[in-house]
Amino acid sequence: MTSLKALPDSFGNLSELQSLEIDKVREISELPESFGRLARLRDLELRGMTSLKALPDSFGNLSELQSLEIDKVREISELPESFGRLARLRILKLRGMTSLKALPASFGNLSELQSLVLQERTWQGWRAVRWEDDKEKGKFDALLLALGLGRGFCIQGRRDGAGGSVTQTLPL
């Protein structure tokens, strides 16, 4: 029996696909850029993809995505900045993502997010969330407070392009 080592670029042509679960396909190290063309995808579960190292930049093009679960995808160290374009995302579950170091600054743009689940050491080891300017930081602060994640959550960013950093812990 052969194992699936890659998704073909034509995978993005499944434009009517609404729900996708990829479970224990351990040989896939990357998703094709065409993945972002799954225009009607609403629910996505990526589980046990132990070789997957990154999500494609086109991931933010999944404009209809409402529910995303990433479980035991341990090699991903960062989410693409395009992640913040998932405007309809309501449920986000990140479990067992032990290499994930931080959330992208664009995370604050997820204004429809209603449920955020961080389990199985996903949160452990995070030092900060970075932002590039005060506008991004404001969106992120509001999102964290709405989700009740204020206490002890450390945010770090740049000020005035000077290269210096500011660290802030949000109050409850």
N, C-alpha and C. Protein backbone atom coordinates (compact mmCIF):
# COMPACT_ATOMS: atom_id res chain seq x y z
N MET A 1 0.84 -1.18 0.00
CA MET A 1 0.00 0.00 0.00
C MET A 1 0.89 1.24 0.00
N THR A 2 0.60 2.17 -0.87
CA THR A 2 1.37 3.42 -0.92
C THR A 2 0.66 4.47 -0.08
N SER A 3 1.44 5.40 0.44
CA SER A 3 0.83 6.47 1.23
C SER A 3 0.86 7.76 0.41
N LEU A 4 -0.08 8.62 0.68
CA LEU A 4 -0.18 9.90 0.00
C LEU A 4 0.94 10.81 0.48
N LYS A 5 1.77 11.28 -0.44
CA LYS A 5 2.91 12.11 -0.07
C LYS A 5 2.67 13.59 -0.35
N ALA A 6 1.70 13.90 -1.20
CA ALA A 6 1.40 15.30 -1.53
C ALA A 6 0.00 15.40 -2.12
N LEU A 7 -0.61 16.54 -1.91
CA LEU A 7 -1.87 16.82 -2.59
C LEU A 7 -1.53 17.48 -3.92
N PRO A 8 -2.19 17.08 -4.99
CA PRO A 8 -1.88 17.69 -6.29
C PRO A 8 -2.33 19.15 -6.33
N ASP A 9 -1.68 19.94 -7.16
CA ASP A 9 -2.06 21.34 -7.29
C ASP A 9 -3.51 21.47 -7.76
N SER A 10 -3.99 20.49 -8.49
CA SER A 10 -5.37 20.51 -8.97
C SER A 10 -6.38 20.36 -7.82
N PHE A 11 -5.91 20.07 -6.62
CA PHE A 11 -6.80 19.95 -5.46
C PHE A 11 -7.64 21.21 -5.28
N GLY A 12 -7.07 22.35 -5.58
CA GLY A 12 -7.78 23.62 -5.47
C GLY A 12 -8.94 23.76 -6.43
N ASN A 13 -9.04 22.87 -7.40
CA ASN A 13 -10.14 22.92 -8.36
C ASN A 13 -11.45 22.38 -7.79
N LEU A 14 -11.40 21.84 -6.58
CA LEU A 14 -12.61 21.32 -5.93
C LEU A 14 -13.39 22.49 -5.32
N SER A 15 -13.79 23.40 -6.16
CA SER A 15 -14.34 24.69 -5.72
C SER A 15 -15.68 24.58 -4.99
N GLU A 16 -16.37 23.46 -5.10
CA GLU A 16 -17.66 23.29 -4.41
C GLU A 16 -17.52 22.56 -3.08
N LEU A 17 -16.32 22.13 -2.74
CA LEU A 17 -16.07 21.40 -1.50
C LEU A 17 -16.41 22.27 -0.29
N GLN A 18 -17.23 21.74 0.62
CA GLN A 18 -17.66 22.52 1.79
C GLN A 18 -17.06 22.02 3.09
N SER A 19 -16.69 20.76 3.14
CA SER A 19 -16.15 20.19 4.37
C SER A 19 -14.99 19.27 4.01
N LEU A 20 -13.90 19.38 4.76
CA LEU A 20 -12.72 18.58 4.48
C LEU A 20 -12.06 18.16 5.78
N GLU A 21 -11.78 16.88 5.89
CA GLU A 21 -11.05 16.34 7.02
C GLU A 21 -9.86 15.55 6.48
N ILE A 22 -8.68 15.95 6.87
CA ILE A 22 -7.46 15.22 6.52
C ILE A 22 -6.90 14.69 7.83
N ASP A 23 -6.87 13.38 7.97
CA ASP A 23 -6.51 12.76 9.25
C ASP A 23 -5.39 11.74 9.06
N LYS A 24 -4.32 11.92 9.79
CA LYS A 24 -3.19 10.99 9.84
C LYS A 24 -2.57 10.72 8.47
N VAL A 25 -2.50 11.72 7.66
CA VAL A 25 -1.76 11.62 6.41
C VAL A 25 -0.39 12.21 6.73
N ARG A 26 0.47 11.35 7.23
CA ARG A 26 1.72 11.78 7.86
C ARG A 26 2.82 12.20 6.89
N GLU A 27 2.71 11.85 5.64
CA GLU A 27 3.79 12.11 4.68
C GLU A 27 3.71 13.50 4.04
N ILE A 28 2.59 14.16 4.13
CA ILE A 28 2.43 15.46 3.47
C ILE A 28 3.16 16.54 4.27
N SER A 29 4.12 17.20 3.63
CA SER A 29 4.89 18.24 4.33
C SER A 29 4.40 19.65 3.99
N GLU A 30 3.60 19.78 2.94
CA GLU A 30 3.05 21.09 2.59
C GLU A 30 1.74 20.92 1.84
N LEU A 31 0.90 21.93 1.96
CA LEU A 31 -0.34 21.98 1.20
C LEU A 31 -0.09 22.86 -0.01
N PRO A 32 -0.68 22.53 -1.16
CA PRO A 32 -0.43 23.35 -2.35
C PRO A 32 -1.03 24.75 -2.21
N GLU A 33 -0.44 25.71 -2.89
CA GLU A 33 -0.98 27.08 -2.89
C GLU A 33 -2.41 27.09 -3.40
N SER A 34 -2.76 26.13 -4.25
CA SER A 34 -4.12 26.07 -4.79
C SER A 34 -5.15 25.79 -3.69
N PHE A 35 -4.70 25.40 -2.52
CA PHE A 35 -5.60 25.14 -1.39
C PHE A 35 -6.49 26.36 -1.11
N GLY A 36 -5.96 27.53 -1.32
CA GLY A 36 -6.70 28.76 -1.10
C GLY A 36 -7.83 28.99 -2.09
N ARG A 37 -7.92 28.15 -3.11
CA ARG A 37 -9.01 28.28 -4.10
C ARG A 37 -10.25 27.47 -3.71
N LEU A 38 -10.25 26.85 -2.55
CA LEU A 38 -11.42 26.10 -2.10
C LEU A 38 -12.45 27.10 -1.57
N ALA A 39 -13.05 27.81 -2.49
CA ALA A 39 -13.85 29.00 -2.20
C ALA A 39 -15.06 28.76 -1.30
N ARG A 40 -15.61 27.57 -1.32
CA ARG A 40 -16.82 27.30 -0.53
C ARG A 40 -16.55 26.49 0.74
N LEU A 41 -15.29 26.24 1.03
CA LEU A 41 -14.94 25.43 2.20
C LEU A 41 -15.38 26.13 3.48
N ARG A 42 -16.19 25.43 4.28
CA ARG A 42 -16.72 25.99 5.53
C ARG A 42 -16.08 25.35 6.76
N ASP A 43 -15.80 24.05 6.67
CA ASP A 43 -15.27 23.31 7.81
C ASP A 43 -14.01 22.57 7.38
N LEU A 44 -12.94 22.76 8.16
CA LEU A 44 -11.67 22.13 7.84
C LEU A 44 -11.06 21.54 9.11
N GLU A 45 -10.68 20.27 9.02
CA GLU A 45 -9.98 19.60 10.11
C GLU A 45 -8.69 19.01 9.57
N LEU A 46 -7.59 19.41 10.16
CA LEU A 46 -6.27 18.87 9.83
C LEU A 46 -5.77 18.19 11.10
N ARG A 47 -5.63 16.86 11.05
CA ARG A 47 -5.23 16.11 12.25
C ARG A 47 -4.10 15.15 11.93
N GLY A 48 -3.17 15.07 12.85
CA GLY A 48 -2.13 14.06 12.77
C GLY A 48 -1.24 14.15 11.54
N MET A 49 -1.15 15.33 10.96
CA MET A 49 -0.29 15.52 9.78
C MET A 49 1.11 15.89 10.31
N THR A 50 1.82 14.90 10.78
CA THR A 50 3.05 15.13 11.53
C THR A 50 4.20 15.71 10.71
N SER A 51 4.12 15.68 9.41
CA SER A 51 5.19 16.25 8.56
C SER A 51 4.85 17.64 8.03
N LEU A 52 3.61 18.08 8.21
CA LEU A 52 3.19 19.39 7.68
C LEU A 52 3.94 20.50 8.40
N LYS A 53 4.68 21.31 7.64
CA LYS A 53 5.55 22.33 8.23
C LYS A 53 4.95 23.74 8.20
N ALA A 54 4.00 23.99 7.31
CA ALA A 54 3.43 25.33 7.19
C ALA A 54 2.10 25.26 6.44
N LEU A 55 1.29 26.27 6.67
CA LEU A 55 0.09 26.46 5.87
C LEU A 55 0.45 27.43 4.75
N PRO A 56 -0.11 27.24 3.56
CA PRO A 56 0.25 28.14 2.45
C PRO A 56 -0.26 29.56 2.69
N ASP A 57 0.41 30.53 2.09
CA ASP A 57 -0.02 31.92 2.19
C ASP A 57 -1.44 32.11 1.68
N SER A 58 -1.84 31.27 0.74
CA SER A 58 -3.19 31.38 0.17
C SER A 58 -4.27 30.95 1.16
N PHE A 59 -3.88 30.45 2.32
CA PHE A 59 -4.84 29.98 3.32
C PHE A 59 -5.86 31.06 3.67
N GLY A 60 -5.44 32.29 3.70
CA GLY A 60 -6.33 33.40 4.01
C GLY A 60 -7.41 33.64 2.97
N ASN A 61 -7.31 32.99 1.82
CA ASN A 61 -8.32 33.14 0.77
C ASN A 61 -9.55 32.26 1.01
N LEU A 62 -9.54 31.45 2.07
CA LEU A 62 -10.68 30.59 2.37
C LEU A 62 -11.77 31.44 3.03
N SER A 63 -12.38 32.28 2.24
CA SER A 63 -13.27 33.33 2.75
C SER A 63 -14.55 32.81 3.39
N GLU A 64 -14.95 31.58 3.12
CA GLU A 64 -16.17 31.02 3.70
C GLU A 64 -15.88 30.15 4.91
N LEU A 65 -14.62 29.96 5.26
CA LEU A 65 -14.26 29.07 6.36
C LEU A 65 -14.85 29.56 7.68
N GLN A 66 -15.60 28.70 8.34
CA GLN A 66 -16.25 29.05 9.61
C GLN A 66 -15.68 28.26 10.79
N SER A 67 -15.19 27.07 10.53
CA SER A 67 -14.68 26.22 11.60
C SER A 67 -13.35 25.60 11.16
N LEU A 68 -12.34 25.76 12.00
CA LEU A 68 -11.01 25.22 11.70
C LEU A 68 -10.48 24.51 12.93
N GLU A 69 -10.10 23.26 12.75
CA GLU A 69 -9.46 22.49 13.81
C GLU A 69 -8.12 21.98 13.28
N ILE A 70 -7.07 22.31 14.00
CA ILE A 70 -5.74 21.80 13.67
C ILE A 70 -5.27 21.05 14.91
N ASP A 71 -5.04 19.75 14.75
CA ASP A 71 -4.74 18.88 15.90
C ASP A 71 -3.53 18.01 15.60
N LYS A 72 -2.56 18.08 16.49
CA LYS A 72 -1.34 17.28 16.39
C LYS A 72 -0.61 17.49 15.07
N VAL A 73 -0.54 18.73 14.67
CA VAL A 73 0.26 19.14 13.52
C VAL A 73 1.43 19.89 14.15
N ARG A 74 2.41 19.14 14.59
CA ARG A 74 3.43 19.65 15.50
C ARG A 74 4.57 20.42 14.86
N GLU A 75 4.71 20.38 13.56
CA GLU A 75 5.84 21.03 12.91
C GLU A 75 5.57 22.49 12.54
N ILE A 76 4.34 22.92 12.56
CA ILE A 76 4.01 24.31 12.20
C ILE A 76 4.46 25.24 13.32
N SER A 77 5.36 26.16 13.00
CA SER A 77 5.86 27.09 14.02
C SER A 77 5.16 28.45 13.96
N GLU A 78 4.51 28.74 12.83
CA GLU A 78 3.78 30.00 12.73
C GLU A 78 2.64 29.85 11.74
N LEU A 79 1.62 30.65 11.94
CA LEU A 79 0.49 30.70 11.02
C LEU A 79 0.75 31.83 10.04
N PRO A 80 0.31 31.69 8.79
CA PRO A 80 0.58 32.75 7.82
C PRO A 80 -0.14 34.05 8.19
N GLU A 81 0.45 35.16 7.83
CA GLU A 81 -0.15 36.47 8.10
C GLU A 81 -1.53 36.58 7.45
N SER A 82 -1.74 35.86 6.35
CA SER A 82 -3.04 35.87 5.67
C SER A 82 -4.15 35.27 6.53
N PHE A 83 -3.79 34.63 7.62
CA PHE A 83 -4.76 34.01 8.54
C PHE A 83 -5.82 35.02 8.98
N GLY A 84 -5.44 36.26 9.14
CA GLY A 84 -6.36 37.30 9.57
C GLY A 84 -7.44 37.64 8.55
N ARG A 85 -7.33 37.11 7.34
CA ARG A 85 -8.36 37.36 6.32
C ARG A 85 -9.50 36.34 6.37
N LEU A 86 -9.46 35.44 7.33
CA LEU A 86 -10.53 34.45 7.48
C LEU A 86 -11.71 35.12 8.18
N ALA A 87 -12.36 36.00 7.47
CA ALA A 87 -13.35 36.92 8.04
C ALA A 87 -14.56 36.22 8.65
N ARG A 88 -14.88 35.02 8.21
CA ARG A 88 -16.07 34.33 8.72
C ARG A 88 -15.74 33.25 9.75
N LEU A 89 -14.48 33.14 10.10
CA LEU A 89 -14.07 32.10 11.06
C LEU A 89 -14.72 32.35 12.41
N ARG A 90 -15.48 31.36 12.88
CA ARG A 90 -16.18 31.48 14.16
C ARG A 90 -15.59 30.54 15.22
N ILE A 91 -15.09 29.40 14.79
CA ILE A 91 -14.56 28.41 15.72
C ILE A 91 -13.13 28.06 15.31
N LEU A 92 -12.21 28.20 16.23
CA LEU A 92 -10.81 27.86 15.99
C LEU A 92 -10.32 26.98 17.12
N LYS A 93 -9.87 25.77 16.77
CA LYS A 93 -9.33 24.83 17.76
C LYS A 93 -7.90 24.50 17.35
N LEU A 94 -6.96 24.82 18.22
CA LEU A 94 -5.56 24.50 18.00
C LEU A 94 -5.14 23.58 19.14
N ARG A 95 -4.83 22.33 18.78
CA ARG A 95 -4.47 21.34 19.79
C ARG A 95 -3.14 20.69 19.42
N GLY A 96 -2.31 20.50 20.40
CA GLY A 96 -1.08 19.75 20.19
C GLY A 96 -0.14 20.35 19.16
N MET A 97 -0.20 21.66 18.98
CA MET A 97 0.69 22.35 18.04
C MET A 97 1.90 22.86 18.83
N THR A 98 2.75 21.96 19.23
CA THR A 98 3.81 22.26 20.18
C THR A 98 4.92 23.15 19.62
N SER A 99 5.02 23.29 18.32
CA SER A 99 6.05 24.17 17.73
C SER A 99 5.54 25.59 17.50
N LEU A 100 4.24 25.81 17.61
CA LEU A 100 3.66 27.13 17.36
C LEU A 100 4.16 28.11 18.40
N LYS A 101 4.82 29.18 17.94
CA LYS A 101 5.45 30.14 18.84
C LYS A 101 4.60 31.36 19.14
N ALA A 102 3.75 31.76 18.21
CA ALA A 102 2.96 32.97 18.40
C ALA A 102 1.84 33.00 17.37
N LEU A 103 0.91 33.89 17.58
CA LEU A 103 -0.14 34.14 16.60
C LEU A 103 0.28 35.33 15.75
N PRO A 104 -0.12 35.36 14.48
CA PRO A 104 0.22 36.52 13.66
C PRO A 104 -0.55 37.75 14.12
N ALA A 105 0.00 38.92 13.84
CA ALA A 105 -0.66 40.17 14.21
C ALA A 105 -2.05 40.27 13.59
N SER A 106 -2.23 39.72 12.42
CA SER A 106 -3.52 39.80 11.73
C SER A 106 -4.61 39.02 12.45
N PHE A 107 -4.26 38.23 13.44
CA PHE A 107 -5.23 37.46 14.21
C PHE A 107 -6.32 38.36 14.78
N GLY A 108 -5.98 39.58 15.09
CA GLY A 108 -6.94 40.54 15.62
C GLY A 108 -8.05 40.90 14.65
N ASN A 109 -7.90 40.57 13.38
CA ASN A 109 -8.93 40.85 12.39
C ASN A 109 -10.05 39.82 12.38
N LEU A 110 -9.94 38.77 13.17
CA LEU A 110 -10.94 37.70 13.18
C LEU A 110 -12.14 38.13 14.03
N SER A 111 -12.87 39.09 13.54
CA SER A 111 -13.94 39.72 14.32
C SER A 111 -15.14 38.80 14.54
N GLU A 112 -15.30 37.74 13.77
CA GLU A 112 -16.42 36.82 13.93
C GLU A 112 -16.09 35.66 14.88
N LEU A 113 -14.85 35.58 15.34
CA LEU A 113 -14.42 34.47 16.18
C LEU A 113 -15.23 34.43 17.47
N GLN A 114 -15.86 33.28 17.72
CA GLN A 114 -16.69 33.10 18.91
C GLN A 114 -16.09 32.09 19.88
N SER A 115 -15.28 31.17 19.36
CA SER A 115 -14.72 30.12 20.20
C SER A 115 -13.27 29.88 19.81
N LEU A 116 -12.39 29.97 20.79
CA LEU A 116 -10.97 29.70 20.59
C LEU A 116 -10.56 28.65 21.61
N VAL A 117 -10.09 27.50 21.11
CA VAL A 117 -9.66 26.41 21.97
C VAL A 117 -8.17 26.20 21.74
N LEU A 118 -7.40 26.30 22.82
CA LEU A 118 -5.96 26.04 22.79
C LEU A 118 -5.71 24.93 23.80
N GLN A 119 -5.34 23.74 23.31
CA GLN A 119 -5.17 22.61 24.21
C GLN A 119 -3.89 21.85 23.90
N GLU A 120 -3.56 20.97 24.84
CA GLU A 120 -2.45 20.05 24.70
C GLU A 120 -1.15 20.75 24.36
N ARG A 121 -0.76 21.66 25.20
CA ARG A 121 0.52 22.36 25.14
C ARG A 121 0.64 23.31 23.96
N THR A 122 -0.43 23.62 23.27
CA THR A 122 -0.34 24.59 22.19
C THR A 122 0.10 25.94 22.74
N TRP A 123 -0.45 26.33 23.87
CA TRP A 123 -0.17 27.63 24.45
C TRP A 123 1.20 27.66 25.11
N GLN A 124 1.63 26.53 25.63
CA GLN A 124 2.89 26.47 26.36
C GLN A 124 4.05 26.88 25.46
N GLY A 125 4.90 27.72 25.95
CA GLY A 125 6.05 28.16 25.18
C GLY A 125 5.84 29.45 24.41
N TRP A 126 4.59 29.91 24.33
CA TRP A 126 4.36 31.19 23.67
C TRP A 126 4.94 32.28 24.54
N ARG A 127 5.65 33.17 23.94
CA ARG A 127 6.24 34.27 24.67
C ARG A 127 5.49 35.58 24.43
N ALA A 128 4.98 35.74 23.23
CA ALA A 128 4.33 37.01 22.91
C ALA A 128 3.54 36.87 21.62
N VAL A 129 2.73 37.85 21.40
CA VAL A 129 2.06 38.03 20.12
C VAL A 129 2.58 39.34 19.58
N ARG A 130 2.99 39.35 18.33
CA ARG A 130 3.61 40.54 17.76
C ARG A 130 2.61 41.33 16.92
N TRP A 131 2.75 42.64 16.91
CA TRP A 131 1.97 43.49 16.02
C TRP A 131 2.90 44.54 15.45
N GLU A 132 2.49 45.09 14.33
CA GLU A 132 3.34 46.05 13.62
C GLU A 132 2.99 47.50 13.94
N ASP A 133 1.76 47.78 14.30
CA ASP A 133 1.39 49.15 14.61
C ASP A 133 0.25 49.17 15.63
N ASP A 134 -0.08 50.35 16.12
CA ASP A 134 -1.10 50.48 17.16
C ASP A 134 -2.48 50.05 16.69
N LYS A 135 -2.78 50.21 15.41
CA LYS A 135 -4.08 49.81 14.89
C LYS A 135 -4.25 48.29 15.02
N GLU A 136 -3.22 47.54 14.59
CA GLU A 136 -3.28 46.08 14.72
C GLU A 136 -3.38 45.68 16.19
N LYS A 137 -2.61 46.35 17.04
CA LYS A 137 -2.61 46.04 18.46
C LYS A 137 -3.99 46.27 19.07
N GLY A 138 -4.65 47.35 18.68
CA GLY A 138 -5.97 47.65 19.20
C GLY A 138 -6.98 46.57 18.85
N LYS A 139 -6.94 46.08 17.62
CA LYS A 139 -7.83 45.01 17.20
C LYS A 139 -7.56 43.75 18.01
N PHE A 140 -6.28 43.48 18.22
CA PHE A 140 -5.90 42.28 18.95
C PHE A 140 -6.32 42.37 20.41
N ASP A 141 -6.10 43.52 21.03
CA ASP A 141 -6.52 43.73 22.42
C ASP A 141 -8.01 43.48 22.57
N ALA A 142 -8.80 44.04 21.66
CA ALA A 142 -10.25 43.89 21.72
C ALA A 142 -10.66 42.43 21.58
N LEU A 143 -10.01 41.71 20.67
CA LEU A 143 -10.33 40.30 20.47
C LEU A 143 -9.99 39.49 21.72
N LEU A 144 -8.82 39.71 22.29
CA LEU A 144 -8.42 38.97 23.49
C LEU A 144 -9.38 39.23 24.64
N LEU A 145 -9.75 40.47 24.82
CA LEU A 145 -10.67 40.79 25.91
C LEU A 145 -12.05 40.17 25.67
N ALA A 146 -12.51 40.18 24.43
CA ALA A 146 -13.79 39.57 24.11
C ALA A 146 -13.77 38.07 24.37
N LEU A 147 -12.62 37.45 24.17
CA LEU A 147 -12.49 36.01 24.40
C LEU A 147 -12.11 35.69 25.84
N GLY A 148 -11.90 36.72 26.66
CA GLY A 148 -11.55 36.50 28.05
C GLY A 148 -10.13 36.01 28.25
N LEU A 149 -9.21 36.40 27.39
CA LEU A 149 -7.82 35.94 27.47
C LEU A 149 -6.88 37.01 27.99
N GLY A 150 -7.39 37.99 28.68
CA GLY A 150 -6.56 39.13 29.07
C GLY A 150 -5.51 38.85 30.11
N ARG A 151 -5.82 38.13 31.16
CA ARG A 151 -4.92 38.00 32.30
C ARG A 151 -3.61 37.32 31.92
N GLY A 152 -2.54 38.03 32.15
CA GLY A 152 -1.21 37.47 31.96
C GLY A 152 -0.82 37.23 30.52
N PHE A 153 -1.61 37.69 29.59
CA PHE A 153 -1.26 37.48 28.19
C PHE A 153 -0.33 38.58 27.75
N CYS A 154 0.82 38.22 27.27
CA CYS A 154 1.87 39.19 26.95
C CYS A 154 1.81 39.55 25.47
N ILE A 155 1.82 40.83 25.19
CA ILE A 155 1.80 41.32 23.82
C ILE A 155 3.03 42.17 23.60
N GLN A 156 3.70 41.94 22.48
CA GLN A 156 4.92 42.68 22.19
C GLN A 156 4.82 43.23 20.78
N GLY A 157 5.27 44.48 20.59
CA GLY A 157 5.21 45.05 19.26
C GLY A 157 6.20 46.18 19.08
N ARG A 158 6.24 46.72 17.88
CA ARG A 158 7.13 47.84 17.55
C ARG A 158 6.42 49.16 17.70
N ARG A 159 7.17 50.17 18.02
CA ARG A 159 6.61 51.53 18.14
C ARG A 159 7.36 52.45 17.19
N ASP A 160 6.62 53.21 16.43
CA ASP A 160 7.17 54.30 15.60
C ASP A 160 8.31 53.87 14.70
N GLY A 161 8.37 52.62 14.32
CA GLY A 161 9.40 52.16 13.39
C GLY A 161 10.81 52.27 13.93
N ALA A 162 10.96 52.56 15.20
CA ALA A 162 12.29 52.77 15.77
C ALA A 162 13.00 51.46 16.09
N GLY A 163 12.30 50.36 15.95
CA GLY A 163 12.92 49.07 16.22
C GLY A 163 12.86 48.68 17.68
N GLY A 164 12.46 49.60 18.55
CA GLY A 164 12.30 49.26 19.96
C GLY A 164 11.04 48.45 20.16
N SER A 165 10.96 47.78 21.28
CA SER A 165 9.75 47.01 21.50
C SER A 165 9.09 47.42 22.80
N VAL A 166 7.81 47.18 22.87
CA VAL A 166 7.02 47.47 24.05
C VAL A 166 6.32 46.18 24.42
N THR A 167 6.30 45.87 25.68
CA THR A 167 5.59 44.69 26.16
C THR A 167 4.47 45.14 27.07
N GLN A 168 3.30 44.57 26.89
CA GLN A 168 2.15 44.96 27.69
C GLN A 168 1.41 43.70 28.11
N THR A 169 1.02 43.65 29.36
CA THR A 169 0.15 42.58 29.84
C THR A 169 -1.23 43.19 30.01
N LEU A 170 -2.20 42.58 29.37
CA LEU A 170 -3.55 43.12 29.43
C LEU A 170 -4.20 42.82 30.77
N PRO A 171 -4.89 43.79 31.36
CA PRO A 171 -5.63 43.52 32.59
C PRO A 171 -6.91 42.76 32.26
N LEU A 172 -7.48 42.12 33.24
CA LEU A 172 -8.76 41.44 33.04
C LEU A 172 -9.89 42.44 32.91
